[in-house]
Amino acid sequence: MMAHSRHPITIPTIAEVLLADSWKLDGLYTEACTCEAACPCIMLSDPTEGACTALVGWRIDQGHFGDVKLDGLNTALGVFTPGNMKEKNWKAALYLDARATSEQQQALTAIFGGQAGGHLGLIAQHIAEVAGVHVVPITFESDGRRGTLRVGDVGSSEWAPIE
């Protein structure tokens, strides 16, 4: 008996594998969106409100892109998808930490823009329109249970456990 998948598997090229090995990030990730309760979009289901607007943030505790250190920096992605995310029609803007040097900004853009391969390279394939790359103050704070993400004047999110 043969199993069939509705979602094709993408096999990375040798260049993509080599690029993915040239960078590494460790830290925290957060995501907030306009869907009700838990976002069904990450399970490739339709957004609860017909469209999904999300603010995604990363705090890099330790990281590098080649020889460029990225420790302590933050990035964010603002995403709008008018329907199911698997349709690959996202509109997105990338936000880089204002504390980053120009070399670090280039590295973060390569990683989070998908050019450096890896998981973020696969995610970038869903973006149909890039609304720009912006350098803004970004704060990402967490005590392990509660946290906040602030992306310049663009947006913010807070999280806490449901008790």
N, C-alpha and C. Protein backbone atom coordinates (compact mmCIF):
# COMPACT_ATOMS: atom_id res chain seq x y z
N MET A 1 0.84 -1.17 0.00
CA MET A 1 0.00 0.00 0.00
C MET A 1 0.89 1.24 0.00
N MET A 2 0.57 2.18 -0.86
CA MET A 2 1.37 3.39 -0.98
C MET A 2 0.68 4.56 -0.31
N ALA A 3 1.45 5.34 0.43
CA ALA A 3 0.92 6.54 1.07
C ALA A 3 1.14 7.73 0.14
N HIS A 4 0.16 8.59 0.07
CA HIS A 4 0.28 9.79 -0.76
C HIS A 4 0.19 11.02 0.12
N SER A 5 1.00 12.00 -0.17
CA SER A 5 1.00 13.25 0.57
C SER A 5 0.36 14.34 -0.27
N ARG A 6 -0.44 15.17 0.35
CA ARG A 6 -1.04 16.31 -0.34
C ARG A 6 -0.05 17.46 -0.43
N HIS A 7 1.04 17.39 0.30
CA HIS A 7 2.02 18.46 0.33
C HIS A 7 3.35 17.89 -0.17
N PRO A 8 3.85 18.38 -1.31
CA PRO A 8 5.11 17.84 -1.83
C PRO A 8 6.27 18.13 -0.89
N ILE A 9 7.20 17.25 -0.87
CA ILE A 9 8.41 17.41 -0.05
C ILE A 9 9.45 18.14 -0.91
N THR A 10 10.04 19.18 -0.35
CA THR A 10 11.08 19.93 -1.05
C THR A 10 12.43 19.42 -0.58
N ILE A 11 13.24 18.96 -1.50
CA ILE A 11 14.58 18.47 -1.18
C ILE A 11 15.56 19.61 -1.46
N PRO A 12 16.32 20.04 -0.44
CA PRO A 12 17.24 21.17 -0.65
C PRO A 12 18.37 20.80 -1.60
N THR A 13 18.87 21.79 -2.32
CA THR A 13 20.02 21.60 -3.19
C THR A 13 21.29 21.55 -2.33
N ILE A 14 22.38 21.14 -2.92
CA ILE A 14 23.66 21.11 -2.20
C ILE A 14 24.04 22.51 -1.74
N ALA A 15 23.82 23.52 -2.59
CA ALA A 15 24.13 24.90 -2.22
C ALA A 15 23.31 25.33 -1.01
N GLU A 16 22.03 24.96 -0.98
CA GLU A 16 21.17 25.32 0.16
C GLU A 16 21.67 24.67 1.44
N VAL A 17 22.09 23.41 1.35
CA VAL A 17 22.60 22.72 2.53
C VAL A 17 23.88 23.39 3.02
N LEU A 18 24.78 23.73 2.11
CA LEU A 18 26.03 24.39 2.50
C LEU A 18 25.76 25.76 3.12
N LEU A 19 24.84 26.54 2.56
CA LEU A 19 24.50 27.84 3.13
C LEU A 19 23.89 27.68 4.51
N ALA A 20 23.02 26.70 4.68
CA ALA A 20 22.37 26.49 5.97
C ALA A 20 23.39 26.15 7.05
N ASP A 21 24.47 25.48 6.66
CA ASP A 21 25.51 25.14 7.63
C ASP A 21 26.38 26.33 8.01
N SER A 22 26.32 27.45 7.27
CA SER A 22 27.17 28.60 7.54
C SER A 22 26.58 29.55 8.58
N TRP A 23 25.38 29.24 9.09
CA TRP A 23 24.77 30.09 10.11
C TRP A 23 24.05 29.24 11.14
N LYS A 24 23.93 29.80 12.33
CA LYS A 24 23.23 29.11 13.42
C LYS A 24 22.70 30.15 14.38
N LEU A 25 21.46 29.94 14.84
CA LEU A 25 20.83 30.84 15.80
C LEU A 25 20.24 30.03 16.94
N ASP A 26 20.43 30.50 18.16
CA ASP A 26 19.77 29.93 19.34
C ASP A 26 19.10 31.08 20.07
N GLY A 27 17.87 30.88 20.50
CA GLY A 27 17.17 31.94 21.21
C GLY A 27 15.71 31.63 21.36
N LEU A 28 14.90 32.67 21.39
CA LEU A 28 13.45 32.54 21.58
C LEU A 28 12.70 33.04 20.36
N TYR A 29 11.49 32.50 20.20
CA TYR A 29 10.61 32.82 19.08
C TYR A 29 9.22 33.10 19.64
N THR A 30 8.54 34.06 19.08
CA THR A 30 7.15 34.31 19.44
C THR A 30 6.36 34.65 18.20
N GLU A 31 5.08 34.35 18.26
CA GLU A 31 4.19 34.62 17.14
C GLU A 31 2.83 35.02 17.68
N ALA A 32 2.29 36.09 17.18
CA ALA A 32 0.94 36.54 17.54
C ALA A 32 0.22 36.91 16.26
N CYS A 33 -1.08 36.57 16.21
CA CYS A 33 -1.82 36.87 14.98
C CYS A 33 -3.27 37.22 15.30
N THR A 34 -4.02 37.51 14.25
CA THR A 34 -5.40 37.93 14.39
C THR A 34 -6.39 36.78 14.41
N CYS A 35 -5.92 35.55 14.32
CA CYS A 35 -6.82 34.41 14.39
C CYS A 35 -7.34 34.25 15.82
N GLU A 36 -8.49 33.60 15.95
CA GLU A 36 -9.04 33.33 17.27
C GLU A 36 -8.26 32.18 17.91
N ALA A 37 -8.02 32.30 19.21
CA ALA A 37 -7.34 31.24 19.99
C ALA A 37 -6.04 30.83 19.30
N ALA A 38 -5.80 29.54 19.19
CA ALA A 38 -4.57 29.05 18.55
C ALA A 38 -4.71 29.21 17.04
N CYS A 39 -3.67 29.72 16.41
CA CYS A 39 -3.69 29.99 14.98
C CYS A 39 -3.73 28.69 14.18
N PRO A 40 -4.79 28.46 13.40
CA PRO A 40 -4.86 27.25 12.58
C PRO A 40 -3.93 27.31 11.38
N CYS A 41 -3.43 28.49 11.05
CA CYS A 41 -2.59 28.67 9.86
C CYS A 41 -1.32 27.83 9.93
N ILE A 42 -0.76 27.69 11.12
CA ILE A 42 0.49 26.93 11.22
C ILE A 42 0.27 25.44 10.98
N MET A 43 -0.98 25.01 10.99
CA MET A 43 -1.32 23.62 10.67
C MET A 43 -1.88 23.53 9.24
N LEU A 44 -1.65 24.59 8.45
CA LEU A 44 -2.08 24.70 7.05
C LEU A 44 -3.59 24.67 6.88
N SER A 45 -4.30 25.14 7.91
CA SER A 45 -5.75 25.31 7.82
C SER A 45 -6.05 26.78 7.52
N ASP A 46 -7.30 27.05 7.17
CA ASP A 46 -7.68 28.42 6.86
C ASP A 46 -7.68 29.30 8.11
N PRO A 47 -7.35 30.58 7.97
CA PRO A 47 -7.43 31.51 9.10
C PRO A 47 -8.88 31.62 9.61
N THR A 48 -9.03 31.80 10.89
CA THR A 48 -10.39 31.86 11.47
C THR A 48 -11.16 33.09 11.02
N GLU A 49 -10.46 34.15 10.63
CA GLU A 49 -11.12 35.39 10.22
C GLU A 49 -11.06 35.61 8.70
N GLY A 50 -10.68 34.58 7.95
CA GLY A 50 -10.58 34.71 6.49
C GLY A 50 -9.20 35.14 6.02
N ALA A 51 -8.56 36.00 6.79
CA ALA A 51 -7.19 36.45 6.51
C ALA A 51 -6.43 36.40 7.84
N CYS A 52 -5.13 36.40 7.77
CA CYS A 52 -4.32 36.36 8.98
C CYS A 52 -3.24 37.43 8.90
N THR A 53 -3.15 38.24 9.94
CA THR A 53 -2.08 39.22 10.08
C THR A 53 -1.28 38.80 11.30
N ALA A 54 0.02 38.62 11.12
CA ALA A 54 0.85 38.09 12.20
C ALA A 54 2.08 38.95 12.43
N LEU A 55 2.52 38.97 13.68
CA LEU A 55 3.79 39.58 14.06
C LEU A 55 4.62 38.47 14.69
N VAL A 56 5.75 38.19 14.07
CA VAL A 56 6.61 37.09 14.49
C VAL A 56 7.94 37.70 14.93
N GLY A 57 8.47 37.24 16.05
CA GLY A 57 9.72 37.80 16.54
C GLY A 57 10.71 36.74 16.97
N TRP A 58 11.99 37.07 16.83
CA TRP A 58 13.07 36.19 17.25
C TRP A 58 14.04 36.98 18.13
N ARG A 59 14.41 36.41 19.25
CA ARG A 59 15.48 36.95 20.09
C ARG A 59 16.66 36.01 19.94
N ILE A 60 17.76 36.52 19.45
CA ILE A 60 18.94 35.70 19.22
C ILE A 60 19.84 35.78 20.44
N ASP A 61 19.84 34.73 21.24
CA ASP A 61 20.72 34.71 22.42
C ASP A 61 22.16 34.46 21.99
N GLN A 62 22.34 33.52 21.07
CA GLN A 62 23.66 33.24 20.49
C GLN A 62 23.45 32.93 19.02
N GLY A 63 24.31 33.48 18.20
CA GLY A 63 24.18 33.19 16.78
C GLY A 63 25.31 33.76 15.96
N HIS A 64 25.43 33.22 14.76
CA HIS A 64 26.45 33.72 13.83
C HIS A 64 26.00 33.45 12.40
N PHE A 65 26.51 34.24 11.50
CA PHE A 65 26.39 34.03 10.06
C PHE A 65 27.81 34.09 9.54
N GLY A 66 28.38 32.93 9.26
CA GLY A 66 29.80 32.89 8.96
C GLY A 66 30.56 33.39 10.17
N ASP A 67 31.39 34.42 10.00
CA ASP A 67 32.16 35.00 11.10
C ASP A 67 31.44 36.16 11.80
N VAL A 68 30.25 36.52 11.34
CA VAL A 68 29.52 37.65 11.91
C VAL A 68 28.70 37.18 13.11
N LYS A 69 29.01 37.72 14.29
CA LYS A 69 28.29 37.38 15.51
C LYS A 69 26.95 38.12 15.54
N LEU A 70 25.91 37.42 15.98
CA LEU A 70 24.56 37.99 16.04
C LEU A 70 23.97 37.94 17.44
N ASP A 71 24.81 37.63 18.43
CA ASP A 71 24.36 37.49 19.82
C ASP A 71 23.65 38.75 20.30
N GLY A 72 22.50 38.56 20.95
CA GLY A 72 21.79 39.65 21.58
C GLY A 72 20.91 40.49 20.67
N LEU A 73 20.83 40.14 19.39
CA LEU A 73 20.02 40.94 18.46
C LEU A 73 18.61 40.34 18.33
N ASN A 74 17.69 41.16 17.83
CA ASN A 74 16.30 40.75 17.62
C ASN A 74 15.91 41.01 16.18
N THR A 75 14.96 40.24 15.69
CA THR A 75 14.37 40.50 14.38
C THR A 75 12.88 40.23 14.47
N ALA A 76 12.14 40.74 13.51
CA ALA A 76 10.70 40.50 13.47
C ALA A 76 10.24 40.45 12.02
N LEU A 77 9.12 39.81 11.82
CA LEU A 77 8.52 39.71 10.51
C LEU A 77 7.04 40.04 10.66
N GLY A 78 6.58 41.00 9.89
CA GLY A 78 5.16 41.31 9.82
C GLY A 78 4.61 40.60 8.60
N VAL A 79 3.55 39.81 8.78
CA VAL A 79 3.02 38.99 7.69
C VAL A 79 1.52 39.21 7.55
N PHE A 80 1.07 39.31 6.31
CA PHE A 80 -0.37 39.31 6.00
C PHE A 80 -0.59 38.24 4.95
N THR A 81 -1.56 37.38 5.19
CA THR A 81 -1.95 36.40 4.19
C THR A 81 -3.47 36.47 4.04
N PRO A 82 -3.95 36.68 2.81
CA PRO A 82 -5.37 36.87 2.59
C PRO A 82 -6.20 35.59 2.67
N GLY A 83 -5.56 34.48 2.89
CA GLY A 83 -6.26 33.19 2.98
C GLY A 83 -5.32 32.17 3.55
N ASN A 84 -5.45 30.94 3.10
CA ASN A 84 -4.63 29.85 3.59
C ASN A 84 -3.15 30.11 3.27
N MET A 85 -2.30 29.94 4.26
CA MET A 85 -0.86 30.24 4.09
C MET A 85 -0.19 29.35 3.06
N LYS A 86 -0.70 28.16 2.85
CA LYS A 86 -0.07 27.26 1.88
C LYS A 86 -0.25 27.72 0.44
N GLU A 87 -1.10 28.73 0.22
CA GLU A 87 -1.31 29.27 -1.13
C GLU A 87 -0.14 30.14 -1.57
N LYS A 88 0.79 30.41 -0.68
CA LYS A 88 2.03 31.14 -0.98
C LYS A 88 1.78 32.55 -1.52
N ASN A 89 0.87 33.26 -0.87
CA ASN A 89 0.57 34.63 -1.30
C ASN A 89 0.75 35.63 -0.16
N TRP A 90 1.76 35.39 0.67
CA TRP A 90 2.01 36.26 1.80
C TRP A 90 2.55 37.61 1.35
N LYS A 91 2.21 38.64 2.11
CA LYS A 91 2.86 39.95 2.00
C LYS A 91 3.62 40.09 3.31
N ALA A 92 4.90 40.41 3.24
CA ALA A 92 5.71 40.44 4.46
C ALA A 92 6.69 41.60 4.46
N ALA A 93 7.00 42.06 5.67
CA ALA A 93 8.04 43.07 5.89
C ALA A 93 8.98 42.53 6.96
N LEU A 94 10.26 42.70 6.73
CA LEU A 94 11.28 42.26 7.68
C LEU A 94 11.76 43.46 8.48
N TYR A 95 11.87 43.28 9.80
CA TYR A 95 12.32 44.33 10.70
C TYR A 95 13.60 43.87 11.38
N LEU A 96 14.64 44.70 11.28
CA LEU A 96 15.96 44.40 11.86
C LEU A 96 16.22 45.30 13.05
N ASP A 97 16.90 44.76 14.02
CA ASP A 97 17.26 45.46 15.24
C ASP A 97 18.13 46.68 14.92
N ALA A 98 17.73 47.83 15.42
CA ALA A 98 18.48 49.07 15.17
C ALA A 98 19.88 49.03 15.78
N ARG A 99 20.13 48.13 16.72
CA ARG A 99 21.47 48.00 17.33
C ARG A 99 22.46 47.26 16.44
N ALA A 100 21.97 46.62 15.38
CA ALA A 100 22.84 45.82 14.51
C ALA A 100 23.73 46.72 13.66
N THR A 101 24.98 46.30 13.48
CA THR A 101 25.88 46.99 12.55
C THR A 101 25.40 46.71 11.12
N SER A 102 25.95 47.39 10.16
CA SER A 102 25.55 47.15 8.78
C SER A 102 25.90 45.72 8.35
N GLU A 103 27.02 45.19 8.83
CA GLU A 103 27.40 43.81 8.52
C GLU A 103 26.39 42.83 9.14
N GLN A 104 25.96 43.10 10.37
CA GLN A 104 24.96 42.25 11.02
C GLN A 104 23.60 42.38 10.32
N GLN A 105 23.26 43.58 9.86
CA GLN A 105 22.00 43.77 9.13
C GLN A 105 22.00 42.93 7.85
N GLN A 106 23.12 42.92 7.15
CA GLN A 106 23.23 42.11 5.93
C GLN A 106 23.06 40.63 6.26
N ALA A 107 23.68 40.18 7.35
CA ALA A 107 23.59 38.78 7.76
C ALA A 107 22.15 38.42 8.13
N LEU A 108 21.50 39.27 8.93
CA LEU A 108 20.12 39.02 9.33
C LEU A 108 19.18 39.01 8.13
N THR A 109 19.42 39.90 7.17
CA THR A 109 18.59 39.93 5.97
C THR A 109 18.76 38.64 5.17
N ALA A 110 19.99 38.15 5.06
CA ALA A 110 20.22 36.89 4.33
C ALA A 110 19.52 35.72 5.02
N ILE A 111 19.60 35.68 6.34
CA ILE A 111 18.98 34.57 7.09
C ILE A 111 17.45 34.67 7.04
N PHE A 112 16.92 35.81 7.50
CA PHE A 112 15.47 35.94 7.65
C PHE A 112 14.77 36.26 6.33
N GLY A 113 15.52 36.64 5.32
CA GLY A 113 14.97 36.82 3.98
C GLY A 113 14.96 35.52 3.19
N GLY A 114 15.58 34.48 3.76
CA GLY A 114 15.55 33.16 3.15
C GLY A 114 16.72 32.82 2.25
N GLN A 115 17.57 33.80 1.91
CA GLN A 115 18.67 33.54 0.98
C GLN A 115 19.73 32.61 1.56
N ALA A 116 19.79 32.49 2.89
CA ALA A 116 20.80 31.63 3.52
C ALA A 116 20.32 30.19 3.66
N GLY A 117 19.14 29.89 3.17
CA GLY A 117 18.64 28.52 3.20
C GLY A 117 18.09 28.13 4.56
N GLY A 118 17.98 26.84 4.78
CA GLY A 118 17.42 26.33 6.03
C GLY A 118 15.91 26.51 6.09
N HIS A 119 15.36 26.39 7.28
CA HIS A 119 13.92 26.49 7.48
C HIS A 119 13.38 27.84 6.99
N LEU A 120 14.11 28.91 7.28
CA LEU A 120 13.65 30.23 6.86
C LEU A 120 13.66 30.38 5.34
N GLY A 121 14.53 29.65 4.67
CA GLY A 121 14.52 29.63 3.21
C GLY A 121 13.24 29.00 2.67
N LEU A 122 12.76 27.96 3.35
CA LEU A 122 11.50 27.33 2.95
C LEU A 122 10.32 28.25 3.23
N ILE A 123 10.34 28.92 4.38
CA ILE A 123 9.27 29.86 4.73
C ILE A 123 9.20 31.00 3.70
N ALA A 124 10.36 31.49 3.29
CA ALA A 124 10.41 32.62 2.36
C ALA A 124 9.76 32.29 1.02
N GLN A 125 9.68 31.03 0.66
CA GLN A 125 9.04 30.64 -0.59
C GLN A 125 7.54 30.95 -0.60
N HIS A 126 6.96 31.22 0.56
CA HIS A 126 5.53 31.55 0.66
C HIS A 126 5.25 33.04 0.47
N ILE A 127 6.30 33.85 0.42
CA ILE A 127 6.13 35.30 0.33
C ILE A 127 6.03 35.72 -1.13
N ALA A 128 4.88 36.31 -1.48
CA ALA A 128 4.66 36.79 -2.84
C ALA A 128 5.07 38.25 -3.00
N GLU A 129 4.99 39.02 -1.90
CA GLU A 129 5.31 40.44 -1.97
C GLU A 129 6.09 40.85 -0.72
N VAL A 130 7.24 41.48 -0.93
CA VAL A 130 8.05 41.99 0.17
C VAL A 130 7.76 43.48 0.33
N ALA A 131 7.29 43.84 1.51
CA ALA A 131 6.94 45.24 1.79
C ALA A 131 8.14 46.01 2.35
N GLY A 132 9.32 45.45 2.24
CA GLY A 132 10.53 46.16 2.63
C GLY A 132 11.26 45.52 3.79
N VAL A 133 12.47 46.01 3.96
CA VAL A 133 13.32 45.64 5.10
C VAL A 133 13.57 46.94 5.85
N HIS A 134 13.22 46.96 7.12
CA HIS A 134 13.26 48.18 7.92
C HIS A 134 14.12 47.99 9.16
N VAL A 135 14.89 49.00 9.50
CA VAL A 135 15.71 48.98 10.71
C VAL A 135 14.99 49.82 11.76
N VAL A 136 14.60 49.17 12.86
CA VAL A 136 13.82 49.82 13.92
C VAL A 136 14.28 49.29 15.28
N PRO A 137 13.98 50.03 16.35
CA PRO A 137 14.25 49.48 17.68
C PRO A 137 13.33 48.29 17.93
N ILE A 138 13.91 47.18 18.37
CA ILE A 138 13.12 45.98 18.69
C ILE A 138 13.52 45.51 20.08
N THR A 139 12.52 45.30 20.93
CA THR A 139 12.78 44.70 22.24
C THR A 139 12.00 43.40 22.33
N PHE A 140 12.64 42.40 22.91
CA PHE A 140 12.04 41.08 23.09
C PHE A 140 12.44 40.65 24.49
N GLU A 141 11.48 40.67 25.39
CA GLU A 141 11.76 40.32 26.78
C GLU A 141 10.91 39.13 27.19
N SER A 142 11.50 38.23 27.97
CA SER A 142 10.76 37.07 28.46
C SER A 142 11.39 36.60 29.76
N ASP A 143 10.51 36.21 30.71
CA ASP A 143 11.01 35.63 31.95
C ASP A 143 10.79 34.12 31.95
N GLY A 144 10.46 33.56 30.81
CA GLY A 144 10.22 32.14 30.70
C GLY A 144 8.73 31.78 30.73
N ARG A 145 7.92 32.67 31.29
CA ARG A 145 6.46 32.45 31.33
C ARG A 145 5.70 33.58 30.66
N ARG A 146 6.16 34.77 30.82
CA ARG A 146 5.51 35.96 30.25
C ARG A 146 6.54 36.71 29.41
N GLY A 147 6.03 37.46 28.45
CA GLY A 147 6.98 38.21 27.64
C GLY A 147 6.32 39.28 26.80
N THR A 148 7.17 40.10 26.20
CA THR A 148 6.71 41.16 25.30
C THR A 148 7.65 41.26 24.10
N LEU A 149 7.07 41.62 22.98
CA LEU A 149 7.81 41.94 21.77
C LEU A 149 7.33 43.31 21.33
N ARG A 150 8.27 44.22 21.13
CA ARG A 150 7.93 45.55 20.63
C ARG A 150 8.80 45.82 19.40
N VAL A 151 8.14 46.18 18.30
CA VAL A 151 8.83 46.41 17.04
C VAL A 151 8.59 47.85 16.64
N GLY A 152 9.50 48.73 17.06
CA GLY A 152 9.39 50.15 16.76
C GLY A 152 7.97 50.65 16.99
N ASP A 153 7.47 51.44 16.04
CA ASP A 153 6.08 51.92 16.07
C ASP A 153 5.16 51.01 15.27
N VAL A 154 5.66 49.87 14.83
CA VAL A 154 4.92 48.96 13.96
C VAL A 154 3.89 48.14 14.73
N GLY A 155 4.30 47.56 15.83
CA GLY A 155 3.38 46.72 16.59
C GLY A 155 4.06 46.10 17.79
N SER A 156 3.25 45.43 18.58
CA SER A 156 3.78 44.76 19.76
C SER A 156 2.86 43.59 20.11
N SER A 157 3.39 42.69 20.92
CA SER A 157 2.58 41.58 21.43
C SER A 157 3.05 41.26 22.84
N GLU A 158 2.14 40.72 23.59
CA GLU A 158 2.45 40.25 24.95
C GLU A 158 1.89 38.86 25.09
N TRP A 159 2.53 38.04 25.91
CA TRP A 159 2.03 36.69 26.13
C TRP A 159 2.19 36.29 27.58
N ALA A 160 1.31 35.40 27.98
CA ALA A 160 1.30 34.86 29.34
C ALA A 160 0.54 33.54 29.31
N PRO A 161 0.81 32.68 30.24
CA PRO A 161 0.09 31.39 30.26
C PRO A 161 -1.39 31.60 30.62
N ILE A 162 -2.21 30.73 30.11
CA ILE A 162 -3.63 30.73 30.49
C ILE A 162 -3.73 30.01 31.81
N GLU A 163 -4.30 30.70 32.81
CA GLU A 163 -4.40 30.09 34.13
C GLU A 163 -5.84 29.95 34.54
